[in-house]
Protein backbone atom coordinates (compact mmCIF):
# COMPACT_ATOMS: atom_id res chain seq x y z
CA MET A 1 0.60 -17.24 22.45
CA ALA A 2 -1.93 -15.87 20.76
CA THR A 3 -1.52 -13.04 18.22
CA LYS A 4 -1.84 -9.22 19.01
CA PRO A 5 -4.72 -8.07 17.33
CA ASN A 6 -3.16 -4.58 15.12
CA TYR A 7 -4.79 -2.26 15.66
CA GLN A 8 -3.23 0.21 14.13
CA TYR A 9 -3.80 -1.55 10.71
CA GLU A 10 -7.75 -1.76 11.93
CA LYS A 11 -7.94 2.03 12.95
CA ARG A 12 -5.69 2.69 9.27
CA GLN A 13 -8.54 0.78 7.34
CA ARG A 14 -11.28 2.49 8.77
CA GLU A 15 -10.33 6.13 8.17
CA LEU A 16 -8.81 5.16 4.06
CA ALA A 17 -12.83 4.13 3.83
CA LYS A 18 -14.15 6.51 5.67
CA GLN A 19 -12.20 8.43 3.53
CA LYS A 20 -12.91 6.67 0.07
CA LYS A 21 -16.27 6.89 0.83
CA LYS A 22 -15.95 10.76 1.17
CA GLN A 23 -14.52 11.58 -1.40
CA GLU A 24 -17.35 9.66 -3.53
CA LYS A 25 -19.63 11.92 -1.92
CA ALA A 26 -17.70 15.07 -3.41
CA GLN A 27 -18.21 13.56 -6.23
CA ARG A 28 -21.31 12.33 -6.78
CA LYS A 29 -21.95 16.96 -5.72
CA THR A 30 -20.38 17.65 -8.14
CA THR A 31 -21.17 15.42 -11.17
CA PRO A 32 -24.80 14.09 -11.50
CA ILE A 33 -26.22 10.77 -11.95
CA PRO A 34 -28.83 10.55 -15.36
CA GLY A 35 -32.21 9.88 -14.00
CA GLU A 36 -31.88 11.17 -10.40
CA PRO A 37 -32.55 14.62 -9.62
CA ALA A 38 -30.02 17.25 -8.30
CA PRO A 39 -29.56 18.46 -5.05
CA ALA A 40 -30.59 21.41 -5.86
CA ASP A 41 -33.68 20.49 -7.85
CA LEU A 42 -34.66 18.48 -4.72
CA LYS A 43 -34.23 21.99 -2.16
CA GLU A 44 -36.63 23.39 -4.24
CA THR A 45 -39.47 21.23 -4.22
CA GLY A 46 -38.74 20.93 -0.46
């Protein structure tokens, strides 16, 4: 008999990945990386 896929585990992993990506994006907004234009600079030139 084949084992059943653990959908709860897969869903949790997707949620964790999404949450991690969201945190990294928020951190990038607050901490500008040297050499890259700040988000405010992009708005002013556009």
